[in-house]
Amino acid sequence: MRQPSVNRARVATVSLALVVAAGAAACGPEDNDAKGAGGDSTLRKGGTLTVLNANPQEDFDPARLYTSGGGNVPSLVFRTLTTRNRENGAAGAEVVPDLATDTGRPNKDATVWTYTLKKGLTYEDGTPITSADVKYGIERSFAAELSGGAPYLRDWLIGGADYQGPYKDKKGLDSIETPDDLTIVFHLDKPEGEFPYLATQTQFTPVPKAKDTGTKYEEHPVSSGPYKVVRNENDGERLVLERNPHWSASTDAERRAYPDRIDVRSGLDSSVINQRLSSSQGADAAAVTTDTNLGPAELAKVTGDKELAARVGTGHFGYTNYIAFNPKVKPFDDPKVRQAISYAVDRTSVINAAGGSSLAEAATTYLPNQKSFGYTPYDHFPAGASGDPAKAKELLKEAGHPNGLTVTLTHSNDKDFETSPEIATALQDALKKAGITVKLQGLESNDYKDKIHGAKSEPGFFLAHWGADWPSGGPFLAPIFDGRQIVEDGANFNTGFLDDKAVNDEIDAINKLTDLDEAARRWGALDKKIGEQALTVPLFHPVYKRLYGKDVKNIVISDWTGVLDISQVAVK
């Protein structure tokens, strides 16, 4: 998974992730279709867009970034073979061509993918972009000193597992071929029908070998997008972008690039960000945030103000908050105990603890409730909105615990409204009604992540969350339930230690499909099947609410990212 870069959450996966929140967008008064935006006479090129963020845009090197789909700050500078469709809602969860002429052409078993670059692509200095540059950009992401990006290429490309990058191995990867300046061919060690999604990752950004400065490349990466870096201070704390004069809209159907200048200012407190956006004074009138949500108290204030309420973008990321069980730890080795807890959970109280129904939606499925993931409704342990303590007691009795039992719930001390004390306390109160005494173990962020992601240290009962690298069931289910991804020494995300041959085989079978609609259907069916084992208790899907300045126009929020697409906005 990769988590949203929001102030509310960050635990369910590797901390390298900088992916965002998602959803069926609902936006402000200038809610325009991205492709039709050019017809709106109020949308003009020019002006400066200010970005107010909590987290600095560190490691501004395409090899080191962990982003997919585009729509965030890096995608203004870095173009990739494919990107996401810059549309509101479900249409924005589709993958479309970017540097390439199409989303890729697979061979019969999806082990070879071929791309052709568009003609006329150039860098910020006017030199042409070639397939060799894309190959080199990918290869440098394997260098140890440029680590941080998505791990899939290392796993998927033939020879990727042993490759050390071009600084140590100048020969390069034989599994990436460039027969001419416009053609690039990828040879995979297993079928991967979702390769077009992977090709949206920033590792697919072209990098001219002659301009590569290694670890210093982030200071001035060579732009292939509509903006170039003119200032990068304190490792991304202040980032200023200006127009790339050699970018051509004729080769880029996705980025609107209205502002002349993008001024990213980070390291700000979330309350300060929301206050500045609320006031919209001076430059802040043309400001947005790409990583800070409204909290419960702030949302209550905004809701009562019509003008502010009209400046809130709403999105839903493919993301699930849940209880995880370790079946190697008693009493969670007994399915009936896990089922009892599933029945005892009061989702209404959990949602209230998460900030209320405006910020959280109840979940009974592990997969998010969006079509692109293959969402298939099910509720194997139906307990209504408030839980069923009587059914829970009945199951505990069958499990040999007629007088109830005492368990420890591990959670984070982060005030993220997801794995934090508020959620843990709500569960503690609900389970008490079923005769289950819950002791709470709160840990600081790093200790918490180390504990729950260590195969030897994983507790029996803890809070977790997960979000997908792209809108599909594959990167959602495989890391959590594929037995071959259990990591004994290192970061393990298969918290239930499930190693079921039938599940593993179905994951392989779905990965062969290049029909993404059929793949989605199969992912949904697999989610329903796995859910019967009660290895997790889905709790809720977060809803993201973000303010934007009063002079910001053309708000586009897709089901891929769930946050305002910075490549679409215009300012007065």
Protein backbone atom coordinates (compact mmCIF):
# COMPACT_ATOMS: atom_id res chain seq x y z
CA MET A 1 0.00 0.00 0.00
CA ARG A 2 1.02 3.42 -0.03
CA GLN A 3 -0.51 5.92 2.21
CA PRO A 4 -1.99 9.29 1.65
CA SER A 5 0.38 12.13 2.33
CA VAL A 6 -2.12 13.69 4.66
CA ASN A 7 -1.74 14.90 8.19
CA ARG A 8 -4.36 12.46 9.42
CA ALA A 9 -2.72 9.21 8.53
CA ARG A 10 0.44 7.30 7.93
CA VAL A 11 0.98 3.85 9.30
CA ALA A 12 -0.38 1.00 7.24
CA THR A 13 2.57 0.65 4.95
CA VAL A 14 6.08 1.56 4.11
CA SER A 15 6.79 5.12 5.05
CA LEU A 16 8.21 5.73 1.59
CA ALA A 17 4.76 6.28 0.19
CA LEU A 18 3.49 9.63 -0.86
CA VAL A 19 0.24 8.63 -2.38
CA VAL A 20 -2.99 10.43 -1.68
CA ALA A 21 -6.57 10.22 -0.73
CA ALA A 22 -9.28 9.29 -3.17
CA GLY A 23 -12.76 9.46 -4.34
CA ALA A 24 -15.97 10.19 -6.08
CA ALA A 25 -15.34 13.87 -6.08
CA ALA A 26 -17.60 16.61 -4.90
CA CYS A 27 -16.16 20.06 -5.22
CA GLY A 28 -16.64 23.79 -5.10
CA PRO A 29 -18.50 26.26 -7.30
CA GLU A 30 -16.10 26.09 -10.25
CA ASP A 31 -16.42 22.33 -10.58
CA ASN A 32 -15.49 21.84 -14.23
CA ASP A 33 -14.67 18.87 -16.36
CA ALA A 34 -10.91 18.84 -16.96
CA LYS A 35 -11.14 18.12 -20.69
CA GLY A 36 -13.82 20.75 -21.15
CA ALA A 37 -12.10 23.36 -19.02
CA GLY A 38 -10.68 25.20 -21.99
CA GLY A 39 -14.19 26.30 -22.89
CA ASP A 40 -14.66 28.23 -19.64
CA SER A 41 -13.89 31.89 -20.31
CA THR A 42 -12.97 32.44 -16.65
CA LEU A 43 -10.03 30.05 -16.95
CA ARG A 44 -6.99 31.89 -18.24
CA LYS A 45 -3.29 31.21 -18.23
CA GLY A 46 -1.22 33.26 -15.82
CA GLY A 47 -0.71 34.07 -12.17
CA THR A 48 0.98 32.25 -9.32
CA LEU A 49 -0.46 29.23 -7.56
CA THR A 50 0.72 28.86 -3.97
CA VAL A 51 0.83 25.40 -2.37
CA LEU A 52 0.72 25.31 1.44
CA ASN A 53 1.86 21.93 2.78
CA ALA A 54 2.88 20.31 6.04
CA ASN A 55 5.34 17.86 4.51
CA PRO A 56 8.26 19.08 2.36
CA GLN A 57 8.56 17.68 -1.15
CA GLU A 58 11.71 15.73 -0.25
CA ASP A 59 13.86 13.76 -2.68
CA PHE A 60 12.64 15.59 -5.79
CA ASP A 61 14.19 12.99 -8.05
CA PRO A 62 11.95 10.69 -10.14
CA ALA A 63 13.95 7.66 -9.04
CA ARG A 64 13.34 8.34 -5.34
CA LEU A 65 9.74 9.50 -5.36
CA TYR A 66 6.89 7.13 -4.59
CA THR A 67 3.97 8.52 -6.54
CA SER A 68 1.64 7.10 -9.14
CA GLY A 69 -1.00 8.41 -11.48
CA GLY A 70 0.04 12.03 -11.44
CA GLY A 71 -1.98 15.04 -10.32
CA ASN A 72 0.49 16.04 -7.63
CA VAL A 73 3.46 18.45 -7.62
CA PRO A 74 6.02 16.02 -9.16
CA SER A 75 3.76 15.37 -12.16
CA LEU A 76 4.12 19.03 -13.14
CA VAL A 77 7.81 18.36 -13.87
CA PHE A 78 7.94 14.63 -14.57
CA ARG A 79 5.99 12.95 -17.35
CA THR A 80 5.76 9.17 -17.53
CA LEU A 81 4.80 6.59 -20.15
CA THR A 82 1.22 6.56 -18.88
CA THR A 83 -0.74 8.66 -16.44
CA ARG A 84 -4.26 8.85 -15.09
CA ASN A 85 -7.23 10.37 -16.82
CA ARG A 86 -7.60 13.86 -15.31
CA GLU A 87 -11.34 13.69 -14.70
CA ASN A 88 -13.62 13.93 -11.71
CA GLY A 89 -14.79 10.77 -9.98
CA ALA A 90 -14.66 7.27 -11.42
CA ALA A 91 -13.46 8.40 -14.86
CA GLY A 92 -10.29 9.64 -13.18
CA ALA A 93 -9.39 6.09 -12.11
CA GLU A 94 -8.59 5.14 -15.71
CA VAL A 95 -5.03 4.90 -17.02
CA VAL A 96 -4.29 6.86 -20.23
CA PRO A 97 -1.21 7.57 -22.39
CA ASP A 98 1.24 10.29 -21.38
CA LEU A 99 4.63 10.17 -23.14
CA ALA A 100 3.48 7.06 -24.98
CA THR A 101 0.98 6.84 -27.83
CA ASP A 102 -1.10 4.26 -25.97
CA THR A 103 -1.23 2.45 -22.62
CA GLY A 104 1.01 -0.36 -23.84
CA ARG A 105 0.80 -3.36 -26.14
CA PRO A 106 1.20 -6.75 -24.40
CA ASN A 107 2.17 -10.05 -25.93
CA LYS A 108 -0.24 -12.96 -25.55
CA ASP A 109 0.64 -13.78 -21.91
CA ALA A 110 1.38 -10.19 -20.76
CA THR A 111 5.06 -10.90 -20.11
CA VAL A 112 6.25 -8.45 -22.79
CA TRP A 113 4.98 -4.87 -23.00
CA THR A 114 5.84 -2.50 -25.86
CA TYR A 115 5.46 1.29 -25.88
CA THR A 116 5.97 3.87 -28.61
CA LEU A 117 6.80 7.46 -27.64
CA LYS A 118 4.92 10.37 -29.17
CA LYS A 119 6.82 12.38 -31.75
CA GLY A 120 8.06 15.85 -30.85
CA LEU A 121 8.67 15.31 -27.12
CA THR A 122 11.38 17.58 -25.68
CA TYR A 123 13.03 18.48 -22.38
CA GLU A 124 13.19 21.97 -20.86
CA ASP A 125 16.34 22.71 -22.91
CA GLY A 126 14.69 21.72 -26.19
CA THR A 127 16.57 18.44 -26.68
CA PRO A 128 14.46 15.44 -27.75
CA ILE A 129 13.22 12.81 -25.31
CA THR A 130 14.14 9.30 -26.44
CA SER A 131 13.30 5.77 -25.41
CA ALA A 132 16.90 5.40 -24.19
CA ASP A 133 16.22 8.21 -21.71
CA VAL A 134 13.20 6.35 -20.33
CA LYS A 135 15.29 3.19 -20.02
CA TYR A 136 18.07 5.09 -18.24
CA GLY A 137 15.59 6.79 -15.90
CA ILE A 138 14.25 3.41 -14.86
CA GLU A 139 17.71 1.88 -14.46
CA ARG A 140 18.99 4.63 -12.17
CA SER A 141 16.06 3.94 -9.81
CA PHE A 142 17.80 0.63 -9.02
CA ALA A 143 20.86 2.42 -7.59
CA ALA A 144 21.10 2.08 -3.81
CA GLU A 145 21.85 5.78 -3.37
CA LEU A 146 18.59 6.65 -5.19
CA SER A 147 16.28 4.26 -3.35
CA GLY A 148 12.80 5.21 -2.24
CA GLY A 149 10.65 4.53 -5.28
CA ALA A 150 8.15 1.75 -5.84
CA PRO A 151 9.61 -1.79 -5.64
CA TYR A 152 7.63 -3.34 -8.49
CA LEU A 153 10.24 -2.97 -11.23
CA ARG A 154 12.75 -4.88 -9.15
CA ASP A 155 10.19 -7.65 -8.75
CA TRP A 156 8.73 -7.68 -12.25
CA LEU A 157 11.61 -7.10 -14.70
CA ILE A 158 13.78 -10.04 -15.69
CA GLY A 159 17.10 -9.54 -13.92
CA GLY A 160 15.68 -6.77 -11.78
CA ALA A 161 16.25 -8.52 -8.47
CA ASP A 162 20.04 -8.50 -8.93
CA TYR A 163 20.56 -5.27 -10.85
CA GLN A 164 22.47 -2.54 -8.97
CA GLY A 165 21.83 0.43 -11.24
CA PRO A 166 23.88 2.12 -14.00
CA TYR A 167 26.54 3.60 -11.72
CA LYS A 168 27.76 0.09 -10.85
CA ASP A 169 26.56 -1.80 -13.93
CA LYS A 170 26.93 0.36 -17.01
CA LYS A 171 25.64 -2.43 -19.25
CA GLY A 172 22.10 -1.82 -18.07
CA LEU A 173 19.12 -4.13 -17.95
CA ASP A 174 18.74 -6.48 -20.91
CA SER A 175 15.05 -6.80 -20.06
CA ILE A 176 14.48 -3.22 -21.25
CA GLU A 177 15.08 -2.91 -25.00
CA THR A 178 15.14 0.27 -27.09
CA PRO A 179 15.26 -0.84 -30.75
CA ASP A 180 14.87 2.78 -31.89
CA ASP A 181 14.48 6.26 -30.41
CA LEU A 182 10.72 5.94 -30.03
CA THR A 183 10.27 2.31 -28.98
CA ILE A 184 10.80 0.70 -25.59
CA VAL A 185 10.10 -2.95 -24.74
CA PHE A 186 9.84 -4.48 -21.26
CA HIS A 187 10.41 -8.19 -20.59
CA LEU A 188 8.83 -9.42 -17.36
CA ASP A 189 9.54 -12.60 -15.41
CA LYS A 190 5.80 -13.26 -14.94
CA PRO A 191 2.52 -12.08 -16.50
CA GLU A 192 1.44 -8.63 -15.33
CA GLY A 193 -1.77 -7.39 -16.88
CA GLU A 194 -1.64 -4.19 -14.85
CA PHE A 195 1.68 -2.98 -16.25
CA PRO A 196 -0.02 0.16 -17.69
CA TYR A 197 -0.78 1.21 -14.09
CA LEU A 198 2.84 0.67 -13.08
CA ALA A 199 3.98 2.83 -15.99
CA THR A 200 2.41 5.84 -14.22
CA GLN A 201 5.05 5.65 -11.46
CA THR A 202 7.68 8.38 -11.49
CA GLN A 203 10.43 5.81 -12.14
CA PHE A 204 9.20 5.85 -15.76
CA THR A 205 10.29 9.49 -16.14
CA PRO A 206 12.93 10.02 -18.85
CA VAL A 207 16.32 11.20 -17.58
CA PRO A 208 19.04 12.34 -20.03
CA LYS A 209 22.18 10.44 -19.06
CA ALA A 210 24.45 13.40 -19.83
CA LYS A 211 22.56 15.56 -17.32
CA ASP A 212 22.44 13.00 -14.51
CA THR A 213 24.20 14.32 -11.41
CA GLY A 214 23.39 11.37 -9.16
CA THR A 215 22.16 12.33 -5.70
CA LYS A 216 22.30 16.03 -6.66
CA TYR A 217 19.91 15.55 -9.58
CA GLU A 218 16.98 16.45 -7.31
CA GLU A 219 18.28 20.03 -7.08
CA HIS A 220 17.57 20.58 -10.75
CA PRO A 221 15.97 17.60 -12.47
CA VAL A 222 15.51 18.09 -16.19
CA SER A 223 11.83 18.71 -16.85
CA SER A 224 9.72 16.78 -19.33
CA GLY A 225 6.51 18.41 -18.04
CA PRO A 226 4.92 21.86 -18.26
CA TYR A 227 7.03 23.33 -15.43
CA LYS A 228 10.72 23.37 -14.54
CA VAL A 229 12.41 23.72 -11.15
CA VAL A 230 13.93 27.16 -10.59
CA ARG A 231 14.36 26.93 -6.83
CA ASN A 232 14.65 24.04 -4.35
CA GLU A 233 15.49 24.98 -0.76
CA ASN A 234 15.97 22.77 2.31
CA ASP A 235 15.25 19.52 0.50
CA GLY A 236 11.90 20.56 -0.91
CA GLU A 237 10.68 22.81 1.89
CA ARG A 238 10.49 25.65 -0.63
CA LEU A 239 10.03 24.63 -4.23
CA VAL A 240 9.42 27.13 -7.03
CA LEU A 241 8.37 26.03 -10.51
CA GLU A 242 8.08 28.16 -13.64
CA ARG A 243 6.92 27.37 -17.15
CA ASN A 244 8.95 25.01 -19.29
CA PRO A 245 9.04 26.89 -22.63
CA HIS A 246 9.61 23.67 -24.57
CA TRP A 247 6.58 21.81 -23.22
CA SER A 248 3.85 21.50 -25.82
CA ALA A 249 0.19 20.98 -24.97
CA SER A 250 -0.14 19.22 -28.33
CA THR A 251 1.73 16.23 -26.85
CA ASP A 252 0.04 16.40 -23.44
CA ALA A 253 -3.72 15.96 -23.30
CA GLU A 254 -3.83 15.71 -19.49
CA ARG A 255 -2.07 18.70 -17.90
CA ARG A 256 -3.82 22.06 -18.29
CA ALA A 257 -0.90 24.14 -16.87
CA TYR A 258 -2.80 27.37 -16.31
CA PRO A 259 -0.59 29.21 -13.72
CA ASP A 260 2.71 30.75 -14.82
CA ARG A 261 4.34 29.93 -11.50
CA ILE A 262 3.92 27.34 -8.72
CA ASP A 263 5.27 28.30 -5.28
CA VAL A 264 5.34 25.34 -2.86
CA ARG A 265 5.85 26.24 0.81
CA SER A 266 6.09 23.38 3.29
CA GLY A 267 6.87 22.68 6.92
CA LEU A 268 3.68 24.41 8.06
CA ASP A 269 1.40 23.32 10.88
CA SER A 270 -1.89 21.89 9.62
CA SER A 271 -3.94 24.39 11.61
CA VAL A 272 -1.96 27.24 10.10
CA ILE A 273 -2.53 25.89 6.60
CA ASN A 274 -6.28 25.64 7.08
CA GLN A 275 -6.44 29.06 8.70
CA ARG A 276 -4.57 30.66 5.80
CA LEU A 277 -6.76 28.93 3.23
CA SER A 278 -9.84 29.95 5.17
CA SER A 279 -8.82 33.61 5.34
CA SER A 280 -7.63 33.67 1.70
CA GLN A 281 -5.71 36.91 2.15
CA GLY A 282 -3.15 38.12 -0.39
CA ALA A 283 -1.31 35.28 -2.12
CA ASP A 284 -3.29 32.76 -0.06
CA ALA A 285 -6.39 33.56 -2.12
CA ALA A 286 -4.72 31.60 -4.94
CA ALA A 287 -3.50 28.75 -2.71
CA VAL A 288 -4.21 25.05 -2.29
CA THR A 289 -2.83 22.22 -0.18
CA THR A 290 -1.86 18.78 -1.44
CA ASP A 291 -1.40 17.11 1.94
CA THR A 292 -3.58 18.66 4.66
CA ASN A 293 -7.18 17.76 5.47
CA LEU A 294 -9.78 19.45 7.57
CA GLY A 295 -10.11 17.86 10.98
CA PRO A 296 -13.43 17.33 12.80
CA ALA A 297 -13.36 20.66 14.66
CA GLU A 298 -12.28 22.61 11.58
CA LEU A 299 -14.91 20.91 9.44
CA ALA A 300 -17.64 21.85 11.91
CA LYS A 301 -16.62 25.49 11.60
CA VAL A 302 -16.42 25.38 7.82
CA THR A 303 -19.80 23.65 7.48
CA GLY A 304 -21.47 26.55 9.23
CA ASP A 305 -20.06 29.08 6.75
CA LYS A 306 -21.58 28.96 3.25
CA GLU A 307 -18.66 30.74 1.62
CA LEU A 308 -16.10 28.38 3.16
CA ALA A 309 -18.24 25.30 2.56
CA ALA A 310 -18.26 26.17 -1.14
CA ARG A 311 -14.45 25.99 -1.09
CA VAL A 312 -14.09 22.43 0.16
CA GLY A 313 -13.05 19.61 -2.15
CA THR A 314 -14.19 16.12 -1.14
CA GLY A 315 -12.52 12.87 -2.16
CA HIS A 316 -12.33 9.19 -1.30
CA PHE A 317 -9.06 7.29 -1.68
CA GLY A 318 -8.89 3.54 -2.19
CA TYR A 319 -8.08 3.06 1.46
CA THR A 320 -9.34 0.92 4.34
CA ASN A 321 -8.89 1.21 8.10
CA TYR A 322 -9.22 -2.14 9.86
CA ILE A 323 -8.47 -4.39 12.79
CA ALA A 324 -5.75 -6.95 12.04
CA PHE A 325 -5.35 -10.32 13.76
CA ASN A 326 -2.24 -12.44 14.09
CA PRO A 327 -3.57 -16.02 14.13
CA LYS A 328 -0.25 -17.24 15.56
CA VAL A 329 -1.11 -15.49 18.84
CA LYS A 330 -3.75 -16.94 21.17
CA PRO A 331 -6.71 -16.57 21.38
CA PHE A 332 -6.76 -15.17 17.83
CA ASP A 333 -5.74 -18.55 16.44
CA ASP A 334 -9.40 -19.52 16.94
CA PRO A 335 -11.63 -18.28 14.06
CA LYS A 336 -14.59 -18.10 16.43
CA VAL A 337 -12.79 -15.51 18.58
CA ARG A 338 -12.03 -13.44 15.48
CA GLN A 339 -15.65 -13.76 14.38
CA ALA A 340 -16.87 -12.74 17.84
CA ILE A 341 -14.86 -9.55 17.68
CA SER A 342 -16.19 -8.93 14.19
CA TYR A 343 -19.75 -9.07 15.54
CA ALA A 344 -18.94 -6.99 18.63
CA VAL A 345 -17.55 -3.97 16.75
CA ASP A 346 -19.73 -0.87 16.89
CA ARG A 347 -18.93 0.91 13.62
CA THR A 348 -21.06 3.92 14.52
CA SER A 349 -18.88 4.67 17.52
CA VAL A 350 -15.74 4.06 15.47
CA ILE A 351 -16.89 6.50 12.79
CA ASN A 352 -17.72 9.08 15.44
CA ALA A 353 -14.20 8.63 16.84
CA ALA A 354 -12.82 9.15 13.32
CA GLY A 355 -14.53 12.53 13.08
CA GLY A 356 -18.06 11.63 12.08
CA SER A 357 -19.81 10.48 8.93
CA SER A 358 -18.45 13.43 6.92
CA LEU A 359 -14.93 12.10 7.39
CA ALA A 360 -15.47 8.32 7.48
CA GLU A 361 -17.72 5.74 5.83
CA ALA A 362 -18.44 2.34 7.37
CA ALA A 363 -16.68 -0.64 5.77
CA THR A 364 -17.58 -4.33 5.82
CA THR A 365 -15.35 -5.30 2.87
CA TYR A 366 -11.59 -5.15 2.74
CA LEU A 367 -11.54 -3.68 -0.76
CA PRO A 368 -12.62 -0.03 -0.97
CA ASN A 369 -16.13 0.63 -2.24
CA GLN A 370 -15.12 1.78 -5.73
CA LYS A 371 -15.71 0.02 -9.03
CA SER A 372 -12.10 0.13 -10.18
CA PHE A 373 -11.05 -2.04 -7.23
CA GLY A 374 -13.68 -4.64 -8.05
CA TYR A 375 -15.78 -3.74 -5.02
CA THR A 376 -18.18 -6.59 -4.26
CA PRO A 377 -20.53 -5.92 -1.34
CA TYR A 378 -20.50 -8.48 1.47
CA ASP A 379 -20.89 -8.61 5.23
CA HIS A 380 -19.95 -12.04 6.54
CA PHE A 381 -20.61 -11.06 10.15
CA PRO A 382 -23.65 -8.78 9.97
CA ALA A 383 -24.01 -6.88 13.21
CA GLY A 384 -25.71 -3.70 12.05
CA ALA A 385 -24.31 -0.25 12.61
CA SER A 386 -23.89 -0.70 16.38
CA GLY A 387 -22.63 -4.27 16.73
CA ASP A 388 -24.24 -7.46 17.99
CA PRO A 389 -22.80 -8.24 21.45
CA ALA A 390 -25.23 -11.13 21.98
CA LYS A 391 -23.96 -12.96 18.89
CA ALA A 392 -20.39 -12.22 19.96
CA LYS A 393 -21.02 -13.77 23.40
CA GLU A 394 -22.53 -16.83 21.76
CA LEU A 395 -19.42 -17.36 19.63
CA LEU A 396 -17.11 -16.81 22.60
CA LYS A 397 -18.99 -19.50 24.50
CA GLU A 398 -18.54 -21.91 21.57
CA ALA A 399 -14.82 -21.03 21.60
CA GLY A 400 -14.57 -22.00 25.27
CA HIS A 401 -14.79 -18.54 26.79
CA PRO A 402 -18.23 -18.48 28.46
CA ASN A 403 -17.08 -15.80 30.90
CA GLY A 404 -15.50 -13.64 28.22
CA LEU A 405 -11.79 -12.97 27.80
CA THR A 406 -9.14 -10.28 28.12
CA VAL A 407 -7.08 -9.12 25.13
CA THR A 408 -4.61 -6.35 24.30
CA LEU A 409 -5.22 -3.96 21.40
CA THR A 410 -2.10 -2.27 20.01
CA HIS A 411 -2.51 1.15 18.40
CA SER A 412 -0.54 4.25 17.49
CA ASN A 413 -0.37 7.34 19.67
CA ASP A 414 -0.48 9.52 16.56
CA LYS A 415 -3.53 11.78 16.51
CA ASP A 416 -4.51 10.60 13.05
CA PHE A 417 -8.13 9.54 13.75
CA GLU A 418 -7.33 6.19 12.16
CA THR A 419 -5.07 3.98 14.26
CA SER A 420 -5.04 6.40 17.18
CA PRO A 421 -6.31 6.32 20.78
CA GLU A 422 -9.76 7.63 19.80
CA ILE A 423 -10.46 4.61 17.60
CA ALA A 424 -8.94 2.18 20.11
CA THR A 425 -11.10 3.54 22.93
CA ALA A 426 -14.26 3.25 20.83
CA LEU A 427 -13.45 -0.42 20.18
CA GLN A 428 -12.62 -0.98 23.84
CA ASP A 429 -16.07 0.28 24.86
CA ALA A 430 -17.91 -1.78 22.23
CA LEU A 431 -16.13 -5.05 23.00
CA LYS A 432 -16.79 -4.61 26.72
CA LYS A 433 -20.51 -5.10 25.97
CA ALA A 434 -19.67 -8.53 24.56
CA GLY A 435 -17.68 -9.55 27.64
CA ILE A 436 -14.31 -8.81 26.09
CA THR A 437 -12.00 -6.71 28.26
CA VAL A 438 -9.60 -4.76 26.05
CA LYS A 439 -6.32 -3.44 27.41
CA LEU A 440 -4.85 -0.70 25.24
CA GLN A 441 -1.19 -0.59 24.21
CA GLY A 442 -0.36 2.75 22.63
CA LEU A 443 3.01 3.14 20.91
CA GLU A 444 4.83 6.07 19.35
CA SER A 445 4.76 6.11 15.56
CA ASN A 446 8.10 4.45 14.75
CA ASP A 447 7.78 1.84 17.51
CA TYR A 448 4.26 1.09 16.34
CA LYS A 449 5.29 0.55 12.71
CA ASP A 450 8.29 -1.57 13.70
CA LYS A 451 6.14 -3.76 15.93
CA ILE A 452 3.21 -4.40 13.59
CA HIS A 453 5.40 -4.91 10.51
CA GLY A 454 7.83 -7.34 12.15
CA ALA A 455 6.91 -10.99 11.60
CA LYS A 456 8.42 -11.91 14.98
CA SER A 457 7.07 -8.91 16.90
CA GLU A 458 3.60 -8.59 15.42
CA PRO A 459 0.95 -8.43 18.16
CA GLY A 460 -2.19 -10.54 18.06
CA PHE A 461 -4.70 -7.69 17.84
CA PHE A 462 -3.95 -4.24 16.42
CA LEU A 463 -5.16 -1.35 14.28
CA ALA A 464 -3.90 -0.99 10.72
CA HIS A 465 -4.74 0.57 7.38
CA TRP A 466 -3.88 0.08 3.74
CA GLY A 467 -4.17 2.01 0.49
CA ALA A 468 -3.44 1.00 -3.08
CA ASP A 469 -0.64 2.24 -5.32
CA TRP A 470 -3.14 2.38 -8.16
CA PRO A 471 -6.92 1.83 -8.33
CA SER A 472 -7.07 -1.93 -8.59
CA GLY A 473 -7.57 -4.86 -6.26
CA GLY A 474 -4.09 -6.20 -7.04
CA PRO A 475 -1.89 -3.83 -5.02
CA PHE A 476 -4.56 -3.94 -2.32
CA LEU A 477 -4.98 -7.68 -1.80
CA ALA A 478 -1.65 -9.21 -2.87
CA PRO A 479 0.65 -7.57 -0.28
CA ILE A 480 -1.75 -8.49 2.54
CA PHE A 481 -2.93 -11.97 1.56
CA ASP A 482 -0.39 -13.51 -0.85
CA GLY A 483 1.55 -16.11 1.16
CA ARG A 484 4.63 -15.65 -1.01
CA GLN A 485 4.88 -12.05 0.20
CA ILE A 486 5.31 -13.00 3.85
CA VAL A 487 8.61 -11.47 4.96
CA GLU A 488 10.25 -13.11 7.96
CA ASP A 489 13.13 -10.64 8.24
CA GLY A 490 12.03 -7.19 7.16
CA ALA A 491 8.78 -5.26 6.69
CA ASN A 492 5.94 -7.77 6.53
CA PHE A 493 2.42 -6.69 5.53
CA ASN A 494 0.72 -10.10 5.34
CA THR A 495 -0.46 -9.60 8.92
CA GLY A 496 -2.63 -12.72 8.96
CA PHE A 497 0.23 -14.87 7.64
CA LEU A 498 -2.19 -16.29 5.10
CA ASP A 499 -0.50 -18.75 2.74
CA ASP A 500 -3.37 -20.42 0.91
CA LYS A 501 -2.47 -22.06 -2.41
CA ALA A 502 -5.92 -21.37 -3.84
CA VAL A 503 -5.57 -17.67 -3.00
CA ASN A 504 -2.03 -17.50 -4.37
CA ASP A 505 -3.08 -19.25 -7.59
CA GLU A 506 -6.02 -16.90 -8.09
CA ILE A 507 -3.75 -13.88 -7.63
CA ASP A 508 -1.48 -15.27 -10.36
CA ALA A 509 -4.44 -15.95 -12.64
CA ILE A 510 -5.83 -12.43 -12.26
CA ASN A 511 -2.40 -10.90 -12.86
CA LYS A 512 -2.41 -12.48 -16.33
CA LEU A 513 -5.55 -10.58 -17.34
CA THR A 514 -5.18 -7.49 -19.52
CA ASP A 515 -8.94 -6.94 -19.44
CA LEU A 516 -8.98 -4.70 -16.37
CA ASP A 517 -12.78 -4.89 -15.97
CA GLU A 518 -12.63 -8.67 -15.76
CA ALA A 519 -9.66 -8.43 -13.41
CA ALA A 520 -11.66 -6.11 -11.15
CA ARG A 521 -14.52 -8.59 -11.01
CA ARG A 522 -12.14 -11.37 -10.00
CA TRP A 523 -10.44 -9.21 -7.34
CA GLY A 524 -13.83 -8.52 -5.80
CA ALA A 525 -14.71 -12.21 -5.71
CA LEU A 526 -11.36 -13.01 -4.11
CA ASP A 527 -11.87 -10.33 -1.47
CA LYS A 528 -15.22 -11.89 -0.55
CA LYS A 529 -13.67 -15.35 -0.29
CA ILE A 530 -10.77 -14.20 1.91
CA GLY A 531 -13.15 -12.22 4.12
CA GLU A 532 -14.76 -15.44 5.33
CA GLN A 533 -11.61 -16.20 7.33
CA ALA A 534 -12.02 -13.09 9.52
CA LEU A 535 -8.32 -12.25 9.38
CA THR A 536 -9.29 -8.58 9.46
CA VAL A 537 -12.26 -6.52 10.57
CA PRO A 538 -12.82 -3.68 8.08
CA LEU A 539 -13.87 -0.56 9.99
CA PHE A 540 -14.14 2.43 7.68
CA HIS A 541 -12.94 4.20 4.58
CA PRO A 542 -11.75 7.77 5.23
CA VAL A 543 -13.24 10.77 3.44
CA TYR A 544 -10.93 13.66 2.68
CA LYS A 545 -11.97 17.31 2.94
CA ARG A 546 -9.60 20.04 1.80
CA LEU A 547 -9.98 23.79 1.60
CA TYR A 548 -8.73 25.84 -1.32
CA GLY A 549 -8.33 29.60 -1.81
CA LYS A 550 -11.15 31.80 -3.08
CA ASP A 551 -9.35 32.59 -6.36
CA VAL A 552 -8.68 28.95 -7.29
CA LYS A 553 -10.74 27.65 -10.22
CA ASN A 554 -11.32 24.34 -12.01
CA ILE A 555 -11.31 21.87 -9.14
CA VAL A 556 -10.86 18.31 -10.39
CA ILE A 557 -10.78 15.37 -7.94
CA SER A 558 -10.54 11.80 -9.19
CA ASP A 559 -11.05 8.35 -7.75
CA TRP A 560 -7.32 7.70 -8.28
CA THR A 561 -6.00 10.37 -5.95
CA GLY A 562 -9.04 11.82 -4.22
CA VAL A 563 -7.42 15.22 -3.88
CA LEU A 564 -7.34 18.36 -5.97
CA ASP A 565 -5.40 17.78 -9.20
CA ILE A 566 -2.80 20.52 -9.21
CA SER A 567 -2.28 20.16 -12.97
CA GLN A 568 -5.84 21.32 -13.66
CA VAL A 569 -6.30 24.42 -11.48
CA ALA A 570 -6.36 28.00 -12.66
CA VAL A 571 -6.05 31.15 -10.58
CA LYS A 572 -7.45 34.64 -11.02
